[in-house]
Amino acid sequence: MSVVQHDSASVAADAIIRCDHLVLDQGVVIEERVRLEGGQLHLAKGTRIRSGTTIRVRDEFEVGPGSVCGPDALIEGRSIRIGRELWTGPQVRIGGGSCFEVHSALVAGYWLHLGMRAFINTARPVRIGNEVGIGTGSAIYTHGAYQSPLDGFPLSFAPVSIGDNCWLPGATVNPGVTIGPNTVIAVGSVVTRDIPAGSLAGGVPCRVIKENAYPRPLSVEERRRFLDEFLRTAGEILADCKLVPADCAVVDDGSQLCVGDTTFDLITRSVSGPSDARTEKVRDLLRRHGIRFFAEVAGNVYRDWRHDV
């Protein structure tokens, strides 16, 4: 086993590491009761593997900067590559039946969100785009088999593909399904067939409720109403940080939010200016409202990371 570990990386004393090659970049944190096993593992800058998590990947495992895995997650398979700022809730599982077989693979983009107890089966390849939310209790299956197909029972092994900017808040996706980008799948749905891009879909089995529903551009007035409401609620939440509506100014077209000397551009999703506890709290609150920014803190100022992708 070989380990390349940045000086600022931190590994708990009781962590178990048994892999061919491990790279821990700047600021990586591996908490207590973590197991890392397999082939080539690379944890990028600022990644945190939370307590009780097991990562057992035979060939390659890579997560991008700022990722958080766990706690108590189980990630298994042959090849898993996920972009920056992966976030998983407790008890997430990636792998499942046949996950160590030759066809197993998961490739996902940046800002993948896996809610508590979400499950991705990788018996066959799973491809997930950028900015995809897979909510609590959701399940993605690439194989379905139990009874003998020689007795006429159903058998299915097939890949799954989910496009950019999709939201599945508590859905089940069956083998062979493709979900187009900019799609919302309603809670409790069972997706058994392809869903076209931009759809609102739901039901058992899942059907398209509205075509070309998303994205829907907002008028200036609609943007301003959203921002006014955001500032009203944020002012109460952040009172101890001295963030109140008077400290912020919304530009006339409703596309920018200014907090002191820092500007959040809601159209380009960029941030410019200095970083402090107040601006980071605003950024986190906007994220909780579904607005994420292509920015990271570097030297107490915001830096756009899109050229790195």
Foldseek 3Di string as FASTA:
>chain_A
DEEAEDPQEEADPQEAEAEQYEYHEHQEYEDELEYEEEYYEYEEANEYEDHLEYAHEHHYYYEEHQAYHEDNEYEYAHEEYEYYHEYEYYHEYEAPPLRHPPQFYEYEYEQEYHEAHEYEHGNHYEYYYYNEYAAHQEYEDQWDDDDDCVVVDDTGGAYEYEYADEYHHAEYEYHPEYEEDCEYEDHPEYDDYYHYYCFDWYDDPIDTPDHNPPDDDDALVVLVVVVVVLQCVVCVVCVVVVRHVVQWDAPSSNQWIDHPPKIQGQPQQEIWDFDDPVVVVVQVSVVVVVGHHQWDDDPRTIDRCPVVD
